[in-house]
Amino acid sequence: MASDARIAMAWDLFQKAYKLQMQGDLEMAIELYRQSIALHPTAEAHTFLGWTFRFQGRLEEAIAECRRAIEVDPALGNPYNDIGAYLIELGKPEEAVEWLEKATVSRRYESYHFPWYNLGRAYMLLEMYGKARACFINALEIEPGYEPAEEALARVKKMIQ
């Protein structure tokens, strides 16, 4: 199969997998993400496969897929953020910080407010409230009105007073 055709087919499978994931059909989404990756590995497909695993509570597998995404394209910020968020869920905020910091400076990311918000969450858990406050403010400067960051900033302000 020609390279362009493989890429187009992989992209089509990725889009179908995403739709299924959003509809809650996680097993079929996983299958289609894997087929997409087999045809043409992309950082996005690995990242979204990881996200699907996360919805199933399979956090270690989710992290492994994000690591694969980084191998494919180290410039994409999403997998760094996702690893950080998954580590927070696993109760490892100190390990999350490094990954989230990388996400905030990644070259390719459409939603930089997410890693700033998650970095603030990690700092809150580490009781580093001043750093957490700065992160939530950064998230809100990027995405004004982002409710989770607004709520977290209000909580941290109460803790600092």
N, C-alpha and C. Protein backbone atom coordinates (compact mmCIF):
# COMPACT_ATOMS: atom_id res chain seq x y z
N MET A 1 0.85 -1.17 0.00
CA MET A 1 0.00 0.00 0.00
C MET A 1 0.90 1.23 0.00
N ALA A 2 0.58 2.22 -0.80
CA ALA A 2 1.37 3.44 -0.90
C ALA A 2 1.34 4.19 0.42
N SER A 3 2.41 4.91 0.69
CA SER A 3 2.55 5.63 1.95
C SER A 3 1.41 6.62 2.19
N ASP A 4 1.05 7.40 1.19
CA ASP A 4 -0.04 8.37 1.35
C ASP A 4 -1.36 7.68 1.68
N ALA A 5 -1.60 6.55 1.05
CA ALA A 5 -2.84 5.81 1.31
C ALA A 5 -2.85 5.27 2.74
N ARG A 6 -1.70 4.78 3.21
CA ARG A 6 -1.60 4.28 4.59
C ARG A 6 -1.86 5.41 5.59
N ILE A 7 -1.28 6.56 5.32
CA ILE A 7 -1.47 7.71 6.21
C ILE A 7 -2.94 8.12 6.24
N ALA A 8 -3.57 8.17 5.06
CA ALA A 8 -4.98 8.55 4.99
C ALA A 8 -5.86 7.53 5.71
N MET A 9 -5.57 6.26 5.53
CA MET A 9 -6.35 5.22 6.20
C MET A 9 -6.13 5.29 7.72
N ALA A 10 -4.90 5.51 8.14
CA ALA A 10 -4.60 5.64 9.58
C ALA A 10 -5.36 6.82 10.18
N TRP A 11 -5.40 7.93 9.46
CA TRP A 11 -6.11 9.12 9.94
C TRP A 11 -7.60 8.84 10.06
N ASP A 12 -8.16 8.15 9.07
CA ASP A 12 -9.58 7.79 9.09
C ASP A 12 -9.89 6.90 10.30
N LEU A 13 -9.04 5.91 10.53
CA LEU A 13 -9.23 5.03 11.69
C LEU A 13 -9.12 5.81 13.00
N PHE A 14 -8.18 6.74 13.07
CA PHE A 14 -8.02 7.58 14.26
C PHE A 14 -9.30 8.36 14.52
N GLN A 15 -9.85 8.98 13.50
CA GLN A 15 -11.07 9.77 13.67
C GLN A 15 -12.25 8.90 14.11
N LYS A 16 -12.37 7.72 13.52
CA LYS A 16 -13.44 6.80 13.92
C LYS A 16 -13.25 6.35 15.37
N ALA A 17 -12.01 6.07 15.75
CA ALA A 17 -11.71 5.66 17.13
C ALA A 17 -12.10 6.76 18.11
N TYR A 18 -11.77 7.99 17.77
CA TYR A 18 -12.10 9.11 18.65
C TYR A 18 -13.62 9.22 18.84
N LYS A 19 -14.36 9.11 17.75
CA LYS A 19 -15.83 9.19 17.85
C LYS A 19 -16.36 8.08 18.75
N LEU A 20 -15.85 6.87 18.56
CA LEU A 20 -16.30 5.75 19.40
C LEU A 20 -15.93 5.98 20.86
N GLN A 21 -14.75 6.51 21.09
CA GLN A 21 -14.32 6.80 22.46
C GLN A 21 -15.28 7.79 23.11
N MET A 22 -15.63 8.84 22.39
CA MET A 22 -16.54 9.86 22.93
C MET A 22 -17.95 9.31 23.15
N GLN A 23 -18.30 8.27 22.40
CA GLN A 23 -19.61 7.63 22.57
C GLN A 23 -19.58 6.56 23.66
N GLY A 24 -18.39 6.29 24.20
CA GLY A 24 -18.27 5.32 25.28
C GLY A 24 -17.95 3.91 24.86
N ASP A 25 -17.75 3.68 23.58
CA ASP A 25 -17.39 2.35 23.09
C ASP A 25 -15.86 2.22 23.14
N LEU A 26 -15.35 2.03 24.34
CA LEU A 26 -13.90 2.07 24.56
C LEU A 26 -13.17 0.90 23.94
N GLU A 27 -13.74 -0.29 23.99
CA GLU A 27 -13.06 -1.45 23.43
C GLU A 27 -12.88 -1.31 21.91
N MET A 28 -13.91 -0.87 21.23
CA MET A 28 -13.79 -0.70 19.78
C MET A 28 -12.85 0.46 19.47
N ALA A 29 -12.89 1.52 20.28
CA ALA A 29 -11.97 2.63 20.08
C ALA A 29 -10.52 2.16 20.21
N ILE A 30 -10.26 1.34 21.22
CA ILE A 30 -8.90 0.80 21.41
C ILE A 30 -8.47 0.03 20.18
N GLU A 31 -9.35 -0.80 19.66
CA GLU A 31 -9.03 -1.60 18.48
C GLU A 31 -8.70 -0.71 17.28
N LEU A 32 -9.48 0.33 17.08
CA LEU A 32 -9.25 1.21 15.93
C LEU A 32 -7.99 2.06 16.12
N TYR A 33 -7.74 2.53 17.35
CA TYR A 33 -6.48 3.25 17.59
C TYR A 33 -5.29 2.35 17.26
N ARG A 34 -5.37 1.09 17.69
CA ARG A 34 -4.27 0.15 17.43
C ARG A 34 -4.10 -0.10 15.93
N GLN A 35 -5.19 -0.20 15.21
CA GLN A 35 -5.11 -0.38 13.76
C GLN A 35 -4.48 0.86 13.11
N SER A 36 -4.87 2.03 13.58
CA SER A 36 -4.30 3.28 13.05
C SER A 36 -2.80 3.32 13.29
N ILE A 37 -2.38 2.96 14.48
CA ILE A 37 -0.96 2.95 14.84
C ILE A 37 -0.19 1.93 13.99
N ALA A 38 -0.80 0.79 13.74
CA ALA A 38 -0.14 -0.24 12.93
C ALA A 38 0.10 0.25 11.50
N LEU A 39 -0.82 1.04 10.98
CA LEU A 39 -0.67 1.57 9.63
C LEU A 39 0.34 2.72 9.57
N HIS A 40 0.20 3.65 10.54
CA HIS A 40 1.07 4.83 10.55
C HIS A 40 1.09 5.40 11.97
N PRO A 41 2.10 5.07 12.77
CA PRO A 41 2.14 5.54 14.15
C PRO A 41 2.21 7.07 14.23
N THR A 42 1.35 7.63 15.05
CA THR A 42 1.41 9.07 15.33
C THR A 42 1.38 9.28 16.83
N ALA A 43 1.91 10.40 17.25
CA ALA A 43 1.87 10.74 18.68
C ALA A 43 0.43 10.89 19.14
N GLU A 44 -0.40 11.45 18.29
CA GLU A 44 -1.80 11.66 18.65
C GLU A 44 -2.50 10.33 18.89
N ALA A 45 -2.30 9.36 18.01
CA ALA A 45 -2.98 8.06 18.18
C ALA A 45 -2.53 7.38 19.47
N HIS A 46 -1.23 7.42 19.76
CA HIS A 46 -0.75 6.82 21.02
C HIS A 46 -1.33 7.57 22.22
N THR A 47 -1.36 8.89 22.15
CA THR A 47 -1.88 9.68 23.27
C THR A 47 -3.35 9.38 23.51
N PHE A 48 -4.14 9.34 22.45
CA PHE A 48 -5.57 9.09 22.61
C PHE A 48 -5.85 7.64 23.00
N LEU A 49 -5.02 6.72 22.57
CA LEU A 49 -5.14 5.34 23.04
C LEU A 49 -4.90 5.33 24.55
N GLY A 50 -3.89 6.05 24.99
CA GLY A 50 -3.63 6.17 26.42
C GLY A 50 -4.81 6.77 27.17
N TRP A 51 -5.40 7.80 26.58
CA TRP A 51 -6.55 8.45 27.21
C TRP A 51 -7.70 7.46 27.35
N THR A 52 -7.88 6.60 26.35
CA THR A 52 -8.93 5.58 26.42
C THR A 52 -8.64 4.59 27.55
N PHE A 53 -7.37 4.19 27.67
CA PHE A 53 -6.99 3.31 28.79
C PHE A 53 -7.29 3.99 30.13
N ARG A 54 -7.05 5.28 30.20
CA ARG A 54 -7.31 6.01 31.44
C ARG A 54 -8.80 5.92 31.81
N PHE A 55 -9.67 6.05 30.80
CA PHE A 55 -11.11 5.93 31.06
C PHE A 55 -11.46 4.56 31.63
N GLN A 56 -10.65 3.56 31.35
CA GLN A 56 -10.86 2.21 31.88
C GLN A 56 -10.13 1.99 33.20
N GLY A 57 -9.44 3.01 33.70
CA GLY A 57 -8.69 2.88 34.94
C GLY A 57 -7.35 2.20 34.76
N ARG A 58 -6.90 2.06 33.54
CA ARG A 58 -5.64 1.37 33.23
C ARG A 58 -4.53 2.43 33.10
N LEU A 59 -4.19 3.05 34.22
CA LEU A 59 -3.29 4.21 34.21
C LEU A 59 -1.87 3.86 33.80
N GLU A 60 -1.36 2.72 34.21
CA GLU A 60 0.01 2.35 33.82
C GLU A 60 0.10 2.16 32.30
N GLU A 61 -0.92 1.54 31.71
CA GLU A 61 -0.94 1.37 30.26
C GLU A 61 -1.10 2.72 29.56
N ALA A 62 -1.88 3.60 30.17
CA ALA A 62 -2.05 4.94 29.61
C ALA A 62 -0.71 5.68 29.58
N ILE A 63 0.04 5.57 30.66
CA ILE A 63 1.35 6.21 30.72
C ILE A 63 2.29 5.61 29.68
N ALA A 64 2.24 4.30 29.51
CA ALA A 64 3.10 3.65 28.52
C ALA A 64 2.79 4.16 27.11
N GLU A 65 1.52 4.34 26.79
CA GLU A 65 1.16 4.86 25.46
C GLU A 65 1.65 6.30 25.29
N CYS A 66 1.56 7.08 26.34
CA CYS A 66 2.04 8.46 26.25
C CYS A 66 3.56 8.49 26.05
N ARG A 67 4.26 7.58 26.68
CA ARG A 67 5.71 7.50 26.45
C ARG A 67 6.00 7.14 24.99
N ARG A 68 5.20 6.27 24.42
CA ARG A 68 5.36 5.92 23.00
C ARG A 68 5.07 7.15 22.12
N ALA A 69 4.07 7.92 22.51
CA ALA A 69 3.74 9.14 21.76
C ALA A 69 4.92 10.09 21.75
N ILE A 70 5.58 10.23 22.87
CA ILE A 70 6.74 11.12 22.97
C ILE A 70 7.88 10.62 22.10
N GLU A 71 8.04 9.30 22.02
CA GLU A 71 9.08 8.75 21.14
C GLU A 71 8.79 9.10 19.68
N VAL A 72 7.51 9.08 19.30
CA VAL A 72 7.13 9.38 17.92
C VAL A 72 7.29 10.88 17.63
N ASP A 73 6.86 11.73 18.56
CA ASP A 73 6.92 13.18 18.36
C ASP A 73 7.13 13.89 19.69
N PRO A 74 8.39 14.16 20.05
CA PRO A 74 8.67 14.80 21.34
C PRO A 74 8.15 16.24 21.44
N ALA A 75 7.73 16.85 20.34
CA ALA A 75 7.24 18.23 20.37
C ALA A 75 5.79 18.34 20.82
N LEU A 76 5.03 17.26 20.74
CA LEU A 76 3.61 17.30 21.12
C LEU A 76 3.48 17.35 22.63
N GLY A 77 2.76 18.35 23.12
CA GLY A 77 2.64 18.55 24.56
C GLY A 77 1.65 17.65 25.26
N ASN A 78 0.63 17.18 24.55
CA ASN A 78 -0.43 16.40 25.18
C ASN A 78 0.08 15.20 26.00
N PRO A 79 0.97 14.37 25.46
CA PRO A 79 1.35 13.20 26.26
C PRO A 79 2.11 13.56 27.54
N TYR A 80 2.87 14.65 27.53
CA TYR A 80 3.55 15.07 28.76
C TYR A 80 2.52 15.46 29.82
N ASN A 81 1.51 16.25 29.39
CA ASN A 81 0.45 16.64 30.31
C ASN A 81 -0.30 15.42 30.82
N ASP A 82 -0.61 14.52 29.91
CA ASP A 82 -1.39 13.35 30.32
C ASP A 82 -0.62 12.48 31.31
N ILE A 83 0.67 12.28 31.07
CA ILE A 83 1.47 11.50 32.03
C ILE A 83 1.41 12.19 33.40
N GLY A 84 1.59 13.50 33.41
CA GLY A 84 1.52 14.24 34.68
C GLY A 84 0.18 14.05 35.37
N ALA A 85 -0.90 14.17 34.61
CA ALA A 85 -2.24 14.01 35.19
C ALA A 85 -2.45 12.60 35.72
N TYR A 86 -1.96 11.59 34.98
CA TYR A 86 -2.11 10.21 35.42
C TYR A 86 -1.29 9.95 36.69
N LEU A 87 -0.11 10.55 36.76
CA LEU A 87 0.71 10.39 37.97
C LEU A 87 0.03 11.04 39.18
N ILE A 88 -0.64 12.16 38.97
CA ILE A 88 -1.41 12.78 40.06
C ILE A 88 -2.49 11.80 40.52
N GLU A 89 -3.19 11.19 39.56
CA GLU A 89 -4.23 10.21 39.91
C GLU A 89 -3.65 9.03 40.67
N LEU A 90 -2.41 8.68 40.37
CA LEU A 90 -1.76 7.57 41.06
C LEU A 90 -1.15 7.98 42.40
N GLY A 91 -1.35 9.24 42.79
CA GLY A 91 -0.82 9.72 44.06
C GLY A 91 0.66 10.01 44.02
N LYS A 92 1.17 10.39 42.86
CA LYS A 92 2.60 10.67 42.69
C LYS A 92 2.82 12.08 42.14
N PRO A 93 2.37 13.10 42.90
CA PRO A 93 2.48 14.46 42.37
C PRO A 93 3.92 14.93 42.17
N GLU A 94 4.83 14.42 43.00
CA GLU A 94 6.23 14.83 42.85
C GLU A 94 6.81 14.36 41.51
N GLU A 95 6.39 13.18 41.05
CA GLU A 95 6.83 12.69 39.74
C GLU A 95 6.11 13.43 38.61
N ALA A 96 4.92 13.90 38.88
CA ALA A 96 4.13 14.58 37.85
C ALA A 96 4.73 15.92 37.45
N VAL A 97 5.37 16.60 38.38
CA VAL A 97 5.86 17.96 38.14
C VAL A 97 6.76 18.03 36.91
N GLU A 98 7.72 17.15 36.79
CA GLU A 98 8.66 17.17 35.66
C GLU A 98 7.92 17.06 34.32
N TRP A 99 6.97 16.16 34.25
CA TRP A 99 6.22 15.95 33.01
C TRP A 99 5.37 17.17 32.68
N LEU A 100 4.74 17.73 33.68
CA LEU A 100 3.87 18.88 33.45
C LEU A 100 4.68 20.11 33.05
N GLU A 101 5.84 20.27 33.65
CA GLU A 101 6.70 21.39 33.25
C GLU A 101 7.10 21.26 31.78
N LYS A 102 7.37 20.04 31.33
CA LYS A 102 7.70 19.83 29.92
C LYS A 102 6.51 20.18 29.03
N ALA A 103 5.32 19.86 29.48
CA ALA A 103 4.12 20.17 28.68
C ALA A 103 3.95 21.68 28.52
N THR A 104 4.26 22.45 29.57
CA THR A 104 4.05 23.90 29.50
C THR A 104 4.98 24.58 28.50
N VAL A 105 6.08 23.93 28.15
CA VAL A 105 7.03 24.52 27.20
C VAL A 105 7.13 23.74 25.89
N SER A 106 6.23 22.80 25.70
CA SER A 106 6.25 22.01 24.47
C SER A 106 5.99 22.92 23.27
N ARG A 107 6.52 22.53 22.14
CA ARG A 107 6.36 23.33 20.93
C ARG A 107 4.99 23.20 20.30
N ARG A 108 4.31 22.10 20.55
CA ARG A 108 3.06 21.83 19.86
C ARG A 108 1.99 21.42 20.86
N TYR A 109 1.09 22.35 21.14
CA TYR A 109 0.00 22.08 22.07
C TYR A 109 -1.07 23.13 21.84
N GLU A 110 -2.30 22.73 21.70
CA GLU A 110 -3.37 23.68 21.45
C GLU A 110 -3.98 24.22 22.75
N SER A 111 -3.73 23.58 23.86
CA SER A 111 -4.42 23.93 25.11
C SER A 111 -3.44 24.02 26.27
N TYR A 112 -2.58 25.02 26.23
CA TYR A 112 -1.55 25.15 27.26
C TYR A 112 -2.10 25.37 28.67
N HIS A 113 -3.35 25.75 28.77
CA HIS A 113 -3.90 25.96 30.11
C HIS A 113 -4.02 24.65 30.88
N PHE A 114 -4.17 23.51 30.17
CA PHE A 114 -4.29 22.23 30.87
C PHE A 114 -3.03 21.88 31.67
N PRO A 115 -1.83 21.93 31.08
CA PRO A 115 -0.67 21.58 31.91
C PRO A 115 -0.42 22.58 33.05
N TRP A 116 -0.74 23.86 32.81
CA TRP A 116 -0.58 24.81 33.92
C TRP A 116 -1.53 24.48 35.05
N TYR A 117 -2.76 24.14 34.72
CA TYR A 117 -3.74 23.76 35.74
C TYR A 117 -3.28 22.50 36.47
N ASN A 118 -2.86 21.49 35.71
CA ASN A 118 -2.42 20.24 36.34
C ASN A 118 -1.15 20.43 37.17
N LEU A 119 -0.26 21.28 36.72
CA LEU A 119 0.94 21.58 37.51
C LEU A 119 0.53 22.23 38.83
N GLY A 120 -0.45 23.12 38.77
CA GLY A 120 -0.98 23.71 40.00
C GLY A 120 -1.57 22.65 40.93
N ARG A 121 -2.27 21.68 40.36
CA ARG A 121 -2.82 20.59 41.17
C ARG A 121 -1.70 19.81 41.87
N ALA A 122 -0.63 19.53 41.13
CA ALA A 122 0.49 18.80 41.72
C ALA A 122 1.10 19.61 42.87
N TYR A 123 1.31 20.89 42.64
CA TYR A 123 1.89 21.74 43.69
C TYR A 123 0.96 21.84 44.91
N MET A 124 -0.34 21.84 44.68
CA MET A 124 -1.29 21.85 45.81
C MET A 124 -1.08 20.61 46.66
N LEU A 125 -0.98 19.46 46.00
CA LEU A 125 -0.79 18.21 46.73
C LEU A 125 0.54 18.17 47.47
N LEU A 126 1.52 18.89 46.93
CA LEU A 126 2.84 18.97 47.56
C LEU A 126 2.91 20.10 48.59
N GLU A 127 1.77 20.77 48.81
CA GLU A 127 1.66 21.88 49.75
C GLU A 127 2.59 23.03 49.40
N MET A 128 2.79 23.25 48.12
CA MET A 128 3.59 24.37 47.61
C MET A 128 2.59 25.38 47.04
N TYR A 129 1.91 26.06 47.94
CA TYR A 129 0.75 26.85 47.59
C TYR A 129 1.07 28.07 46.73
N GLY A 130 2.19 28.71 46.97
CA GLY A 130 2.58 29.86 46.15
C GLY A 130 2.79 29.46 44.69
N LYS A 131 3.47 28.33 44.49
CA LYS A 131 3.68 27.84 43.12
C LYS A 131 2.35 27.41 42.50
N ALA A 132 1.51 26.79 43.29
CA ALA A 132 0.20 26.37 42.78
C ALA A 132 -0.59 27.60 42.33
N ARG A 133 -0.60 28.63 43.14
CA ARG A 133 -1.32 29.86 42.80
C ARG A 133 -0.82 30.43 41.48
N ALA A 134 0.49 30.49 41.30
CA ALA A 134 1.06 31.03 40.06
C ALA A 134 0.64 30.19 38.85
N CYS A 135 0.58 28.89 39.02
CA CYS A 135 0.17 28.01 37.91
C CYS A 135 -1.29 28.24 37.54
N PHE A 136 -2.15 28.36 38.54
CA PHE A 136 -3.56 28.58 38.25
C PHE A 136 -3.77 29.93 37.57
N ILE A 137 -3.01 30.93 37.99
CA ILE A 137 -3.08 32.24 37.34
C ILE A 137 -2.63 32.13 35.88
N ASN A 138 -1.54 31.40 35.64
CA ASN A 138 -1.08 31.19 34.25
C ASN A 138 -2.17 30.52 33.41
N ALA A 139 -2.80 29.51 33.97
CA ALA A 139 -3.86 28.81 33.24
C ALA A 139 -4.98 29.77 32.87
N LEU A 140 -5.34 30.65 33.80
CA LEU A 140 -6.43 31.60 33.55
C LEU A 140 -6.02 32.72 32.59
N GLU A 141 -4.75 33.06 32.56
CA GLU A 141 -4.30 34.04 31.58
C GLU A 141 -4.40 33.47 30.17
N ILE A 142 -4.14 32.19 30.05
CA ILE A 142 -4.22 31.52 28.74
C ILE A 142 -5.67 31.27 28.35
N GLU A 143 -6.47 30.84 29.30
CA GLU A 143 -7.88 30.49 29.04
C GLU A 143 -8.76 31.14 30.11
N PRO A 144 -9.06 32.44 29.95
CA PRO A 144 -9.91 33.12 30.93
C PRO A 144 -11.25 32.40 31.08
N GLY A 145 -11.69 32.27 32.31
CA GLY A 145 -12.97 31.62 32.56
C GLY A 145 -12.89 30.11 32.70
N TYR A 146 -11.68 29.53 32.65
CA TYR A 146 -11.55 28.08 32.80
C TYR A 146 -11.91 27.73 34.25
N GLU A 147 -13.10 27.17 34.43
CA GLU A 147 -13.68 26.98 35.76
C GLU A 147 -12.83 26.16 36.72
N PRO A 148 -12.25 25.02 36.29
CA PRO A 148 -11.43 24.28 37.26
C PRO A 148 -10.27 25.12 37.82
N ALA A 149 -9.66 25.95 36.98
CA ALA A 149 -8.56 26.79 37.46
C ALA A 149 -9.10 27.90 38.36
N GLU A 150 -10.26 28.47 38.02
CA GLU A 150 -10.85 29.50 38.88
C GLU A 150 -11.15 28.94 40.27
N GLU A 151 -11.74 27.74 40.30
CA GLU A 151 -12.09 27.11 41.57
C GLU A 151 -10.84 26.76 42.37
N ALA A 152 -9.83 26.25 41.69
CA ALA A 152 -8.58 25.88 42.38
C ALA A 152 -7.88 27.13 42.91
N LEU A 153 -7.89 28.20 42.13
CA LEU A 153 -7.27 29.45 42.59
C LEU A 153 -7.98 29.97 43.83
N ALA A 154 -9.29 29.91 43.86
CA ALA A 154 -10.04 30.34 45.04
C ALA A 154 -9.66 29.50 46.26
N ARG A 155 -9.52 28.18 46.06
CA ARG A 155 -9.14 27.29 47.17
C ARG A 155 -7.73 27.62 47.68
N VAL A 156 -6.82 27.83 46.77
CA VAL A 156 -5.43 28.07 47.18
C VAL A 156 -5.31 29.44 47.87
N LYS A 157 -6.07 30.41 47.41
CA LYS A 157 -6.05 31.73 48.05
C LYS A 157 -6.49 31.64 49.51
N LYS A 158 -7.50 30.81 49.78
CA LYS A 158 -7.96 30.60 51.15
C LYS A 158 -6.86 29.95 52.00
N MET A 159 -6.10 29.06 51.39
CA MET A 159 -5.06 28.35 52.13
C MET A 159 -3.86 29.25 52.43
N ILE A 160 -3.61 30.20 51.56
CA ILE A 160 -2.46 31.10 51.73
C ILE A 160 -2.75 32.15 52.78
N GLN A 161 -4.01 32.58 52.89
CA GLN A 161 -4.37 33.67 53.83
C GLN A 161 -4.08 33.32 55.25
